[in-house]
Amino acid sequence: MELDKSKHTVLSFSGIYPELGLPFMEGEPFVDCSDIGGTVCYCDPESESAILSRISERRTESLHWIDSGDYHYISALWLSRITSPFDLLVFDHHPDMQEPAFGGILSCGGWVRTSLERYPLLRNVLIAGINPSLEGECEGFGERVKVLNKDFLAGKDHSVVASSLPSDGLPLYISIDKDVLSADDARTDWDQGNMVLPFLLEALSDIFALRKVIGADICGEI
């Protein structure tokens, strides 16, 4: 079966993707961003504009590969292009809800918070798999943010993720940082959680059966 490359967008900052040799990591889906400065962990306004320009003709309704966890803030740029109310599901060992450190500059550690503050069409967020010690970062948004930490999920069936989604039935954008997985299932540049790959895949299967998914991304390359 021929791969539909239109369902993938590959944003390469570190140069890791060409080394992987996967069929959708070259040609039309590939967007080389390695020449854009000011992008590692933080994204200054000029770089943000440059990245948005390069993805302006790419489909939001596809699977986006966004390099290492240092660039997870790219998720926020995809969210900025959604034009109707939606919810966000994040699988991550970190909530990415830190307060801005440098005058509101977009960051890998705070992009979820920034998205909640910037985009009124983003109604609710569910974050699954985080370190329990980081839950305090998620305070201040009331019922708009729900957390399933890694200790809670360790004793649960995969269906708990889908059953914990907001009850509004809105379309869903999914963002996955591979550091949510155990070191046996992935190798990343950040400290990792304990989720096993079958749990993640089965949870995603449940979610796709229940909700309209309007885009997704994956980061966490090493």
N, C-alpha and C. Protein backbone atom coordinates (compact mmCIF):
# COMPACT_ATOMS: atom_id res chain seq x y z
N MET A 1 0.85 -1.20 0.00
CA MET A 1 0.00 0.00 0.00
C MET A 1 0.88 1.25 0.00
N GLU A 2 0.58 2.19 -0.87
CA GLU A 2 1.37 3.42 -0.95
C GLU A 2 1.02 4.34 0.21
N LEU A 3 2.05 4.91 0.83
CA LEU A 3 1.85 5.80 1.96
C LEU A 3 1.30 7.14 1.50
N ASP A 4 0.26 7.64 2.17
CA ASP A 4 -0.31 8.95 1.87
C ASP A 4 0.50 10.01 2.59
N LYS A 5 1.46 10.61 1.90
CA LYS A 5 2.33 11.59 2.54
C LYS A 5 1.58 12.85 2.95
N SER A 6 0.42 13.10 2.36
CA SER A 6 -0.34 14.31 2.72
C SER A 6 -0.83 14.27 4.16
N LYS A 7 -0.77 13.09 4.78
CA LYS A 7 -1.24 12.96 6.16
C LYS A 7 -0.12 13.20 7.17
N HIS A 8 1.05 13.59 6.69
CA HIS A 8 2.20 13.83 7.57
C HIS A 8 2.82 15.18 7.26
N THR A 9 3.28 15.85 8.31
CA THR A 9 4.15 17.01 8.16
C THR A 9 5.33 16.80 9.10
N VAL A 10 6.53 16.99 8.60
CA VAL A 10 7.74 16.73 9.36
C VAL A 10 8.51 18.04 9.50
N LEU A 11 8.59 18.57 10.72
CA LEU A 11 9.35 19.79 10.98
C LEU A 11 10.69 19.38 11.59
N SER A 12 11.77 19.66 10.88
CA SER A 12 13.09 19.24 11.32
C SER A 12 13.91 20.44 11.76
N PHE A 13 14.27 20.45 13.04
CA PHE A 13 15.11 21.50 13.61
C PHE A 13 16.52 20.98 13.89
N SER A 14 16.62 19.79 14.46
CA SER A 14 17.90 19.25 14.92
C SER A 14 18.61 18.41 13.87
N GLY A 15 17.90 18.00 12.82
CA GLY A 15 18.49 17.14 11.80
C GLY A 15 18.31 15.66 12.06
N ILE A 16 17.52 15.28 13.08
CA ILE A 16 17.37 13.88 13.43
C ILE A 16 16.55 13.11 12.39
N TYR A 17 15.54 13.74 11.80
CA TYR A 17 14.63 12.97 10.95
C TYR A 17 15.29 12.38 9.70
N PRO A 18 16.14 13.12 9.01
CA PRO A 18 16.77 12.49 7.85
C PRO A 18 17.56 11.23 8.20
N GLU A 19 18.02 11.13 9.44
CA GLU A 19 18.78 9.96 9.86
C GLU A 19 17.90 8.73 10.07
N LEU A 20 16.59 8.93 10.27
CA LEU A 20 15.71 7.80 10.58
C LEU A 20 15.36 6.96 9.36
N GLY A 21 15.36 7.58 8.19
CA GLY A 21 15.13 6.82 6.97
C GLY A 21 13.71 6.33 6.77
N LEU A 22 12.74 6.95 7.43
CA LEU A 22 11.34 6.54 7.26
C LEU A 22 10.77 7.15 5.99
N PRO A 23 9.78 6.52 5.36
CA PRO A 23 9.33 6.94 4.03
C PRO A 23 8.68 8.31 3.99
N PHE A 24 8.13 8.78 5.12
CA PHE A 24 7.49 10.10 5.10
C PHE A 24 8.40 11.18 5.65
N MET A 25 9.67 10.89 5.85
CA MET A 25 10.60 11.85 6.40
C MET A 25 11.39 12.60 5.32
N GLU A 26 10.92 12.52 4.09
CA GLU A 26 11.60 13.20 3.00
C GLU A 26 10.56 13.65 2.00
N GLY A 27 10.98 14.49 1.07
CA GLY A 27 10.08 14.92 0.01
C GLY A 27 9.05 15.92 0.50
N GLU A 28 7.87 15.82 -0.02
CA GLU A 28 6.81 16.81 0.19
C GLU A 28 6.48 17.10 1.66
N PRO A 29 6.39 16.08 2.54
CA PRO A 29 6.00 16.38 3.92
C PRO A 29 7.09 17.09 4.73
N PHE A 30 8.32 17.10 4.25
CA PHE A 30 9.46 17.54 5.04
C PHE A 30 9.62 19.06 4.99
N VAL A 31 9.74 19.67 6.18
CA VAL A 31 9.95 21.11 6.27
C VAL A 31 11.23 21.34 7.07
N ASP A 32 12.27 21.78 6.40
CA ASP A 32 13.56 22.02 7.06
C ASP A 32 13.52 23.37 7.77
N CYS A 33 13.62 23.32 9.10
CA CYS A 33 13.62 24.54 9.92
C CYS A 33 14.96 24.75 10.61
N SER A 34 15.97 24.00 10.19
CA SER A 34 17.25 24.03 10.90
C SER A 34 17.96 25.38 10.78
N ASP A 35 17.56 26.19 9.80
CA ASP A 35 18.21 27.49 9.61
C ASP A 35 17.56 28.61 10.42
N ILE A 36 16.48 28.30 11.13
CA ILE A 36 15.78 29.32 11.92
C ILE A 36 16.39 29.37 13.31
N GLY A 37 16.92 30.51 13.68
CA GLY A 37 17.53 30.65 15.00
C GLY A 37 16.49 30.93 16.07
N GLY A 38 16.94 30.91 17.33
CA GLY A 38 16.04 31.24 18.44
C GLY A 38 14.92 30.25 18.63
N THR A 39 15.23 28.96 18.51
CA THR A 39 14.16 27.96 18.57
C THR A 39 14.35 26.88 19.62
N VAL A 40 15.52 26.75 20.21
CA VAL A 40 15.78 25.64 21.14
C VAL A 40 15.13 25.93 22.50
N CYS A 41 14.12 25.18 22.84
CA CYS A 41 13.35 25.30 24.10
C CYS A 41 12.48 26.55 24.14
N TYR A 42 12.97 27.66 23.65
CA TYR A 42 12.20 28.90 23.58
C TYR A 42 12.09 29.35 22.12
N CYS A 43 11.01 30.05 21.81
CA CYS A 43 10.79 30.51 20.45
C CYS A 43 10.50 32.01 20.48
N ASP A 44 11.45 32.80 20.01
CA ASP A 44 11.23 34.25 20.04
C ASP A 44 10.22 34.64 18.96
N PRO A 45 9.64 35.84 19.04
CA PRO A 45 8.57 36.22 18.11
C PRO A 45 8.97 36.14 16.64
N GLU A 46 10.20 36.51 16.32
CA GLU A 46 10.64 36.46 14.93
C GLU A 46 10.68 35.02 14.42
N SER A 47 11.18 34.11 15.26
CA SER A 47 11.23 32.71 14.88
C SER A 47 9.83 32.12 14.78
N GLU A 48 8.96 32.52 15.68
CA GLU A 48 7.57 32.05 15.64
C GLU A 48 6.93 32.44 14.30
N SER A 49 7.14 33.66 13.88
CA SER A 49 6.58 34.11 12.60
C SER A 49 7.17 33.33 11.43
N ALA A 50 8.48 33.05 11.50
CA ALA A 50 9.12 32.31 10.42
C ALA A 50 8.58 30.89 10.32
N ILE A 51 8.37 30.24 11.46
CA ILE A 51 7.85 28.87 11.45
C ILE A 51 6.41 28.86 10.93
N LEU A 52 5.61 29.81 11.40
CA LEU A 52 4.21 29.88 10.93
C LEU A 52 4.15 30.08 9.43
N SER A 53 5.07 30.87 8.90
CA SER A 53 5.10 31.08 7.45
C SER A 53 5.40 29.79 6.71
N ARG A 54 6.30 29.00 7.26
CA ARG A 54 6.70 27.76 6.57
C ARG A 54 5.62 26.68 6.64
N ILE A 55 4.76 26.74 7.64
CA ILE A 55 3.70 25.73 7.72
C ILE A 55 2.36 26.26 7.22
N SER A 56 2.37 27.45 6.64
CA SER A 56 1.11 28.11 6.27
C SER A 56 0.29 27.32 5.26
N GLU A 57 0.95 26.53 4.43
CA GLU A 57 0.23 25.75 3.43
C GLU A 57 0.12 24.28 3.81
N ARG A 58 0.51 23.94 5.02
CA ARG A 58 0.41 22.56 5.48
C ARG A 58 -0.91 22.32 6.19
N ARG A 59 -1.41 21.13 6.08
CA ARG A 59 -2.70 20.79 6.68
C ARG A 59 -2.58 20.67 8.19
N THR A 60 -3.50 21.31 8.90
CA THR A 60 -3.57 21.10 10.35
C THR A 60 -4.10 19.70 10.64
N GLU A 61 -5.02 19.22 9.80
CA GLU A 61 -5.65 17.92 10.00
C GLU A 61 -4.74 16.80 9.49
N SER A 62 -3.62 16.64 10.16
CA SER A 62 -2.67 15.59 9.79
C SER A 62 -1.83 15.26 11.01
N LEU A 63 -0.87 14.37 10.82
CA LEU A 63 0.05 14.01 11.90
C LEU A 63 1.34 14.79 11.72
N HIS A 64 1.69 15.57 12.75
CA HIS A 64 2.85 16.44 12.68
C HIS A 64 3.98 15.87 13.53
N TRP A 65 5.14 15.69 12.93
CA TRP A 65 6.34 15.25 13.63
C TRP A 65 7.15 16.50 13.94
N ILE A 66 7.45 16.76 15.22
CA ILE A 66 8.02 18.06 15.59
C ILE A 66 9.32 17.92 16.38
N ASP A 67 10.13 16.92 16.01
CA ASP A 67 11.51 16.83 16.50
C ASP A 67 11.56 16.46 17.98
N SER A 68 12.55 16.96 18.71
CA SER A 68 12.72 16.60 20.12
C SER A 68 11.75 17.38 21.00
N GLY A 69 11.72 17.02 22.28
CA GLY A 69 10.86 17.72 23.22
C GLY A 69 11.22 19.19 23.37
N ASP A 70 12.42 19.58 22.95
CA ASP A 70 12.81 20.99 22.98
C ASP A 70 11.91 21.86 22.12
N TYR A 71 11.19 21.23 21.19
CA TYR A 71 10.36 21.97 20.24
C TYR A 71 8.87 21.68 20.42
N HIS A 72 8.50 21.20 21.59
CA HIS A 72 7.09 20.84 21.79
C HIS A 72 6.18 22.05 21.66
N TYR A 73 6.72 23.24 21.83
CA TYR A 73 5.91 24.45 21.68
C TYR A 73 5.32 24.60 20.28
N ILE A 74 5.86 23.84 19.30
CA ILE A 74 5.30 23.89 17.95
C ILE A 74 3.82 23.50 17.97
N SER A 75 3.43 22.67 18.94
CA SER A 75 2.02 22.30 19.06
C SER A 75 1.14 23.55 19.15
N ALA A 76 1.59 24.54 19.89
CA ALA A 76 0.81 25.77 20.04
C ALA A 76 0.60 26.47 18.70
N LEU A 77 1.59 26.39 17.82
CA LEU A 77 1.44 27.02 16.52
C LEU A 77 0.40 26.31 15.67
N TRP A 78 0.36 24.98 15.77
CA TRP A 78 -0.71 24.27 15.06
C TRP A 78 -2.08 24.63 15.66
N LEU A 79 -2.15 24.73 16.98
CA LEU A 79 -3.43 25.07 17.61
C LEU A 79 -3.92 26.43 17.17
N SER A 80 -2.99 27.35 16.90
CA SER A 80 -3.39 28.71 16.51
C SER A 80 -4.15 28.74 15.20
N ARG A 81 -4.06 27.67 14.43
CA ARG A 81 -4.70 27.63 13.11
C ARG A 81 -6.09 27.00 13.13
N ILE A 82 -6.49 26.48 14.27
CA ILE A 82 -7.82 25.85 14.37
C ILE A 82 -8.88 26.93 14.49
N THR A 83 -9.95 26.81 13.73
CA THR A 83 -10.90 27.91 13.58
C THR A 83 -12.27 27.67 14.22
N SER A 84 -12.41 26.60 14.97
CA SER A 84 -13.66 26.35 15.69
C SER A 84 -13.33 25.75 17.05
N PRO A 85 -14.25 25.79 18.01
CA PRO A 85 -13.95 25.31 19.37
C PRO A 85 -13.44 23.87 19.38
N PHE A 86 -12.48 23.61 20.27
CA PHE A 86 -11.87 22.28 20.33
C PHE A 86 -11.30 22.05 21.72
N ASP A 87 -10.99 20.79 22.00
CA ASP A 87 -10.30 20.39 23.23
C ASP A 87 -8.92 19.85 22.87
N LEU A 88 -8.06 19.80 23.89
CA LEU A 88 -6.68 19.34 23.70
C LEU A 88 -6.39 18.18 24.64
N LEU A 89 -5.82 17.11 24.11
CA LEU A 89 -5.34 15.99 24.92
C LEU A 89 -3.83 15.91 24.76
N VAL A 90 -3.11 15.92 25.89
CA VAL A 90 -1.64 15.87 25.87
C VAL A 90 -1.18 14.64 26.64
N PHE A 91 -0.37 13.81 26.01
CA PHE A 91 0.35 12.73 26.69
C PHE A 91 1.77 13.22 26.89
N ASP A 92 2.20 13.37 28.15
CA ASP A 92 3.50 13.97 28.42
C ASP A 92 3.89 13.67 29.86
N HIS A 93 5.19 13.51 30.10
CA HIS A 93 5.66 13.34 31.47
C HIS A 93 5.74 14.67 32.21
N HIS A 94 5.59 15.77 31.47
CA HIS A 94 5.62 17.12 32.03
C HIS A 94 4.36 17.85 31.58
N PRO A 95 3.75 18.67 32.43
CA PRO A 95 2.50 19.33 32.04
C PRO A 95 2.69 20.46 31.04
N ASP A 96 3.91 20.97 30.90
CA ASP A 96 4.18 22.10 30.00
C ASP A 96 3.27 23.28 30.30
N MET A 97 3.12 23.53 31.60
CA MET A 97 2.25 24.60 32.08
C MET A 97 3.02 25.62 32.91
N GLN A 98 4.31 25.75 32.69
CA GLN A 98 5.11 26.70 33.45
C GLN A 98 4.72 28.14 33.10
N GLU A 99 4.86 29.02 34.09
CA GLU A 99 4.68 30.44 33.84
C GLU A 99 5.78 30.92 32.90
N PRO A 100 5.47 31.87 32.01
CA PRO A 100 6.51 32.39 31.10
C PRO A 100 7.69 32.97 31.86
N ALA A 101 8.89 32.66 31.41
CA ALA A 101 10.10 33.14 32.09
C ALA A 101 10.63 34.42 31.47
N PHE A 102 10.34 34.64 30.18
CA PHE A 102 10.93 35.78 29.47
C PHE A 102 9.85 36.54 28.71
N GLY A 103 9.05 37.28 29.44
CA GLY A 103 8.10 38.17 28.81
C GLY A 103 7.09 37.52 27.90
N GLY A 104 6.64 36.33 28.25
CA GLY A 104 5.60 35.68 27.46
C GLY A 104 6.10 34.95 26.23
N ILE A 105 7.42 34.76 26.10
CA ILE A 105 7.95 34.03 24.94
C ILE A 105 7.50 32.57 25.01
N LEU A 106 7.09 32.05 23.88
CA LEU A 106 6.63 30.67 23.77
C LEU A 106 7.76 29.72 24.13
N SER A 107 7.45 28.69 24.94
CA SER A 107 8.48 27.76 25.38
C SER A 107 7.97 26.33 25.40
N CYS A 108 8.92 25.38 25.36
CA CYS A 108 8.54 23.97 25.43
C CYS A 108 7.96 23.62 26.79
N GLY A 109 8.35 24.37 27.83
CA GLY A 109 7.86 24.08 29.17
C GLY A 109 6.60 24.80 29.55
N GLY A 110 6.08 25.67 28.68
CA GLY A 110 4.89 26.44 29.03
C GLY A 110 3.88 26.60 27.91
N TRP A 111 4.02 25.82 26.83
CA TRP A 111 3.17 26.05 25.66
C TRP A 111 1.70 25.73 25.92
N VAL A 112 1.40 24.80 26.83
CA VAL A 112 -0.01 24.50 27.12
C VAL A 112 -0.66 25.70 27.81
N ARG A 113 0.02 26.26 28.80
CA ARG A 113 -0.50 27.45 29.48
C ARG A 113 -0.67 28.60 28.49
N THR A 114 0.34 28.82 27.66
CA THR A 114 0.25 29.89 26.67
C THR A 114 -0.93 29.68 25.74
N SER A 115 -1.17 28.45 25.32
CA SER A 115 -2.29 28.16 24.43
C SER A 115 -3.63 28.45 25.10
N LEU A 116 -3.75 28.09 26.37
CA LEU A 116 -4.98 28.38 27.11
C LEU A 116 -5.22 29.89 27.20
N GLU A 117 -4.15 30.64 27.33
CA GLU A 117 -4.27 32.09 27.47
C GLU A 117 -4.46 32.80 26.13
N ARG A 118 -3.87 32.24 25.08
CA ARG A 118 -3.92 32.91 23.77
C ARG A 118 -5.15 32.58 22.96
N TYR A 119 -5.62 31.34 23.04
CA TYR A 119 -6.59 30.85 22.06
C TYR A 119 -7.94 30.58 22.72
N PRO A 120 -8.90 31.48 22.58
CA PRO A 120 -10.21 31.27 23.21
C PRO A 120 -10.97 30.07 22.67
N LEU A 121 -10.63 29.61 21.48
CA LEU A 121 -11.31 28.44 20.93
C LEU A 121 -10.87 27.14 21.61
N LEU A 122 -9.74 27.18 22.31
CA LEU A 122 -9.30 26.02 23.10
C LEU A 122 -10.09 26.03 24.41
N ARG A 123 -11.00 25.10 24.55
CA ARG A 123 -11.93 25.12 25.69
C ARG A 123 -11.41 24.34 26.89
N ASN A 124 -10.91 23.11 26.69
CA ASN A 124 -10.51 22.27 27.81
C ASN A 124 -9.28 21.46 27.44
N VAL A 125 -8.48 21.11 28.48
CA VAL A 125 -7.26 20.35 28.28
C VAL A 125 -7.24 19.16 29.23
N LEU A 126 -6.88 17.99 28.72
CA LEU A 126 -6.62 16.81 29.54
C LEU A 126 -5.16 16.44 29.34
N ILE A 127 -4.40 16.33 30.44
CA ILE A 127 -2.98 15.98 30.38
C ILE A 127 -2.79 14.64 31.07
N ALA A 128 -2.22 13.69 30.36
CA ALA A 128 -2.10 12.33 30.88
C ALA A 128 -0.65 11.90 30.98
N GLY A 129 -0.27 11.35 32.14
CA GLY A 129 1.02 10.72 32.31
C GLY A 129 2.08 11.55 32.99
N ILE A 130 1.71 12.71 33.57
CA ILE A 130 2.74 13.58 34.12
C ILE A 130 3.26 13.09 35.47
N ASN A 131 4.44 13.60 35.81
CA ASN A 131 5.02 13.39 37.13
C ASN A 131 4.12 14.06 38.17
N PRO A 132 3.65 13.34 39.19
CA PRO A 132 2.75 13.94 40.18
C PRO A 132 3.32 15.19 40.85
N SER A 133 4.63 15.28 40.95
CA SER A 133 5.24 16.43 41.62
C SER A 133 5.06 17.72 40.84
N LEU A 134 4.62 17.62 39.58
CA LEU A 134 4.48 18.81 38.74
C LEU A 134 3.03 19.27 38.60
N GLU A 135 2.11 18.63 39.30
CA GLU A 135 0.70 18.98 39.15
C GLU A 135 0.41 20.42 39.55
N GLY A 136 1.20 20.97 40.46
CA GLY A 136 0.97 22.34 40.90
C GLY A 136 1.04 23.35 39.77
N GLU A 137 1.78 23.02 38.71
CA GLU A 137 1.88 23.94 37.57
C GLU A 137 0.55 24.12 36.86
N CYS A 138 -0.38 23.20 37.08
CA CYS A 138 -1.63 23.21 36.33
C CYS A 138 -2.74 24.00 37.01
N GLU A 139 -2.43 24.60 38.14
CA GLU A 139 -3.45 25.34 38.88
C GLU A 139 -3.74 26.68 38.22
N GLY A 140 -4.94 27.17 38.47
CA GLY A 140 -5.32 28.49 38.00
C GLY A 140 -6.31 28.51 36.85
N PHE A 141 -6.66 27.33 36.33
CA PHE A 141 -7.59 27.28 35.21
C PHE A 141 -8.88 26.53 35.54
N GLY A 142 -9.07 26.22 36.81
CA GLY A 142 -10.30 25.56 37.24
C GLY A 142 -10.53 24.25 36.52
N GLU A 143 -11.76 24.04 36.09
CA GLU A 143 -12.13 22.78 35.46
C GLU A 143 -11.68 22.69 34.01
N ARG A 144 -11.07 23.75 33.49
CA ARG A 144 -10.60 23.70 32.10
C ARG A 144 -9.42 22.75 31.93
N VAL A 145 -8.69 22.47 33.00
CA VAL A 145 -7.53 21.59 32.92
C VAL A 145 -7.72 20.41 33.86
N LYS A 146 -7.62 19.21 33.33
CA LYS A 146 -7.69 17.99 34.13
C LYS A 146 -6.41 17.19 33.93
N VAL A 147 -5.93 16.59 35.01
CA VAL A 147 -4.66 15.87 34.97
C VAL A 147 -4.86 14.42 35.42
N LEU A 148 -4.26 13.50 34.67
CA LEU A 148 -4.16 12.09 35.07
C LEU A 148 -2.68 11.81 35.23
N ASN A 149 -2.18 11.81 36.48
CA ASN A 149 -0.74 11.65 36.64
C ASN A 149 -0.32 10.19 36.43
N LYS A 150 0.98 9.98 36.32
CA LYS A 150 1.47 8.66 35.96
C LYS A 150 1.19 7.61 37.04
N ASP A 151 1.18 8.01 38.31
CA ASP A 151 0.89 7.06 39.38
C ASP A 151 -0.56 6.61 39.32
N PHE A 152 -1.45 7.54 39.02
CA PHE A 152 -2.87 7.21 38.88
C PHE A 152 -3.08 6.26 37.71
N LEU A 153 -2.47 6.53 36.58
CA LEU A 153 -2.68 5.72 35.38
C LEU A 153 -2.07 4.33 35.52
N ALA A 154 -1.01 4.21 36.33
CA ALA A 154 -0.31 2.92 36.45
C ALA A 154 -1.23 1.80 36.92
N GLY A 155 -2.26 2.14 37.66
CA GLY A 155 -3.16 1.11 38.16
C GLY A 155 -4.47 1.02 37.42
N LYS A 156 -4.57 1.68 36.26
CA LYS A 156 -5.84 1.77 35.55
C LYS A 156 -5.78 1.12 34.18
N ASP A 157 -6.96 0.80 33.66
CA ASP A 157 -7.11 0.31 32.30
C ASP A 157 -6.98 1.49 31.33
N HIS A 158 -6.55 1.21 30.10
CA HIS A 158 -6.36 2.27 29.11
C HIS A 158 -7.62 3.09 28.84
N SER A 159 -8.79 2.51 29.09
CA SER A 159 -10.04 3.20 28.80
C SER A 159 -10.27 4.42 29.68
N VAL A 160 -9.51 4.54 30.77
CA VAL A 160 -9.70 5.67 31.68
C VAL A 160 -9.36 6.99 31.00
N VAL A 161 -8.48 6.98 30.02
CA VAL A 161 -8.13 8.23 29.35
C VAL A 161 -9.32 8.75 28.55
N ALA A 162 -9.91 7.90 27.74
CA ALA A 162 -11.07 8.32 26.95
C ALA A 162 -12.23 8.72 27.85
N SER A 163 -12.44 7.99 28.94
CA SER A 163 -13.56 8.32 29.83
C SER A 163 -13.33 9.60 30.61
N SER A 164 -12.09 10.09 30.64
CA SER A 164 -11.78 11.32 31.35
C SER A 164 -11.79 12.55 30.46
N LEU A 165 -12.03 12.38 29.17
CA LEU A 165 -12.09 13.52 28.27
C LEU A 165 -13.23 14.46 28.65
N PRO A 166 -13.11 15.74 28.32
CA PRO A 166 -14.21 16.67 28.60
C PRO A 166 -15.51 16.16 27.99
N SER A 167 -16.60 16.40 28.66
CA SER A 167 -17.90 15.87 28.23
C SER A 167 -18.57 16.73 27.17
N ASP A 168 -17.88 17.77 26.69
CA ASP A 168 -18.50 18.68 25.73
C ASP A 168 -18.60 18.11 24.32
N GLY A 169 -17.88 17.01 24.04
CA GLY A 169 -17.96 16.38 22.73
C GLY A 169 -17.29 17.15 21.61
N LEU A 170 -16.49 18.15 21.94
CA LEU A 170 -15.84 18.96 20.91
C LEU A 170 -14.76 18.17 20.18
N PRO A 171 -14.42 18.59 18.96
CA PRO A 171 -13.28 17.97 18.27
C PRO A 171 -12.03 18.05 19.11
N LEU A 172 -11.10 17.13 18.86
CA LEU A 172 -9.95 16.95 19.73
C LEU A 172 -8.65 17.06 18.93
N TYR A 173 -7.70 17.78 19.50
CA TYR A 173 -6.32 17.77 19.00
C TYR A 173 -5.49 17.00 20.02
N ILE A 174 -4.61 16.12 19.53
CA ILE A 174 -3.81 15.26 20.40
C ILE A 174 -2.33 15.58 20.22
N SER A 175 -1.64 15.77 21.34
CA SER A 175 -0.20 16.02 21.31
C SER A 175 0.51 14.99 22.18
N ILE A 176 1.53 14.33 21.63
CA ILE A 176 2.22 13.25 22.32
C ILE A 176 3.71 13.58 22.42
N ASP A 177 4.21 13.61 23.64
CA ASP A 177 5.66 13.66 23.86
C ASP A 177 6.08 12.26 24.28
N LYS A 178 7.02 11.68 23.56
CA LYS A 178 7.41 10.29 23.83
C LYS A 178 8.04 10.12 25.20
N ASP A 179 8.36 11.21 25.90
CA ASP A 179 8.90 11.03 27.25
C ASP A 179 7.84 10.56 28.24
N VAL A 180 6.58 10.51 27.82
CA VAL A 180 5.55 9.92 28.67
C VAL A 180 5.75 8.41 28.82
N LEU A 181 6.49 7.83 27.86
CA LEU A 181 6.70 6.39 27.85
C LEU A 181 7.87 5.97 28.73
N SER A 182 7.86 4.72 29.12
CA SER A 182 8.99 4.18 29.87
C SER A 182 10.22 4.11 28.99
N ALA A 183 11.38 4.05 29.62
CA ALA A 183 12.63 3.98 28.87
C ALA A 183 12.75 2.69 28.06
N ASP A 184 11.94 1.68 28.38
CA ASP A 184 11.95 0.44 27.61
C ASP A 184 11.26 0.61 26.26
N ASP A 185 10.40 1.64 26.16
CA ASP A 185 9.62 1.85 24.94
C ASP A 185 10.08 3.04 24.12
N ALA A 186 10.86 3.93 24.70
CA ALA A 186 11.35 5.10 23.96
C ALA A 186 12.59 5.65 24.65
N ARG A 187 13.41 6.34 23.87
CA ARG A 187 14.57 7.05 24.42
C ARG A 187 14.42 8.51 24.05
N THR A 188 14.45 9.39 25.04
CA THR A 188 14.28 10.81 24.80
C THR A 188 15.37 11.59 25.51
N ASP A 189 15.34 12.92 25.32
CA ASP A 189 16.32 13.79 25.96
C ASP A 189 15.89 14.26 27.35
N TRP A 190 14.69 13.87 27.79
CA TRP A 190 14.14 14.35 29.05
C TRP A 190 13.88 13.18 29.98
N ASP A 191 13.67 13.46 31.27
CA ASP A 191 13.31 12.38 32.18
C ASP A 191 11.96 11.80 31.75
N GLN A 192 11.80 10.51 31.95
CA GLN A 192 10.67 9.81 31.35
C GLN A 192 9.72 9.22 32.38
N GLY A 193 8.50 8.96 31.88
CA GLY A 193 7.47 8.38 32.71
C GLY A 193 7.51 6.87 32.70
N ASN A 194 6.34 6.26 32.98
CA ASN A 194 6.28 4.81 33.08
C ASN A 194 5.18 4.19 32.22
N MET A 195 4.59 4.97 31.33
CA MET A 195 3.55 4.44 30.46
C MET A 195 4.17 3.46 29.47
N VAL A 196 3.48 2.36 29.24
CA VAL A 196 3.97 1.39 28.26
C VAL A 196 3.27 1.64 26.93
N LEU A 197 3.94 1.30 25.85
CA LEU A 197 3.43 1.61 24.52
C LEU A 197 2.05 0.99 24.25
N PRO A 198 1.78 -0.27 24.63
CA PRO A 198 0.44 -0.81 24.38
C PRO A 198 -0.66 0.02 25.05
N PHE A 199 -0.40 0.52 26.26
CA PHE A 199 -1.39 1.36 26.94
C PHE A 199 -1.68 2.60 26.10
N LEU A 200 -0.63 3.27 25.63
CA LEU A 200 -0.81 4.48 24.83
C LEU A 200 -1.58 4.18 23.54
N LEU A 201 -1.19 3.14 22.84
CA LEU A 201 -1.85 2.82 21.57
C LEU A 201 -3.32 2.43 21.78
N GLU A 202 -3.59 1.68 22.83
CA GLU A 202 -4.98 1.28 23.09
C GLU A 202 -5.82 2.48 23.53
N ALA A 203 -5.22 3.39 24.31
CA ALA A 203 -5.94 4.60 24.70
C ALA A 203 -6.27 5.44 23.47
N LEU A 204 -5.32 5.55 22.55
CA LEU A 204 -5.58 6.31 21.33
C LEU A 204 -6.68 5.66 20.50
N SER A 205 -6.68 4.34 20.44
CA SER A 205 -7.73 3.64 19.70
C SER A 205 -9.11 3.94 20.29
N ASP A 206 -9.19 3.93 21.63
CA ASP A 206 -10.45 4.28 22.29
C ASP A 206 -10.89 5.69 21.91
N ILE A 207 -9.94 6.61 21.92
CA ILE A 207 -10.25 8.02 21.69
C ILE A 207 -10.73 8.24 20.26
N PHE A 208 -10.04 7.63 19.30
CA PHE A 208 -10.45 7.79 17.90
C PHE A 208 -11.84 7.21 17.64
N ALA A 209 -12.22 6.22 18.43
CA ALA A 209 -13.55 5.65 18.27
C ALA A 209 -14.65 6.55 18.83
N LEU A 210 -14.26 7.44 19.75
CA LEU A 210 -15.25 8.27 20.44
C LEU A 210 -15.33 9.70 19.96
N ARG A 211 -14.21 10.25 19.51
CA ARG A 211 -14.15 11.67 19.22
C ARG A 211 -13.60 11.95 17.83
N LYS A 212 -14.02 13.07 17.28
CA LYS A 212 -13.43 13.55 16.04
C LYS A 212 -12.06 14.15 16.36
N VAL A 213 -11.01 13.62 15.75
CA VAL A 213 -9.66 14.12 15.97
C VAL A 213 -9.28 15.01 14.79
N ILE A 214 -8.93 16.26 15.08
CA ILE A 214 -8.70 17.25 14.02
C ILE A 214 -7.22 17.54 13.80
N GLY A 215 -6.37 16.76 14.40
CA GLY A 215 -4.93 16.90 14.22
C GLY A 215 -4.19 16.26 15.37
N ALA A 216 -2.92 15.95 15.14
CA ALA A 216 -2.12 15.33 16.19
C ALA A 216 -0.65 15.60 15.90
N ASP A 217 0.17 15.55 16.96
CA ASP A 217 1.60 15.71 16.77
C ASP A 217 2.36 14.79 17.72
N ILE A 218 3.62 14.54 17.36
CA ILE A 218 4.51 13.70 18.15
C ILE A 218 5.87 14.37 18.25
N CYS A 219 6.41 14.47 19.45
CA CYS A 219 7.78 14.93 19.63
C CYS A 219 8.48 13.96 20.59
N GLY A 220 9.76 14.22 20.84
CA GLY A 220 10.49 13.38 21.77
C GLY A 220 11.64 12.62 21.15
N GLU A 221 12.05 13.02 19.94
CA GLU A 221 13.22 12.37 19.34
C GLU A 221 14.47 12.71 20.17
N ILE A 222 15.45 11.87 20.10
CA ILE A 222 16.67 12.09 20.86
C ILE A 222 17.77 12.62 19.95
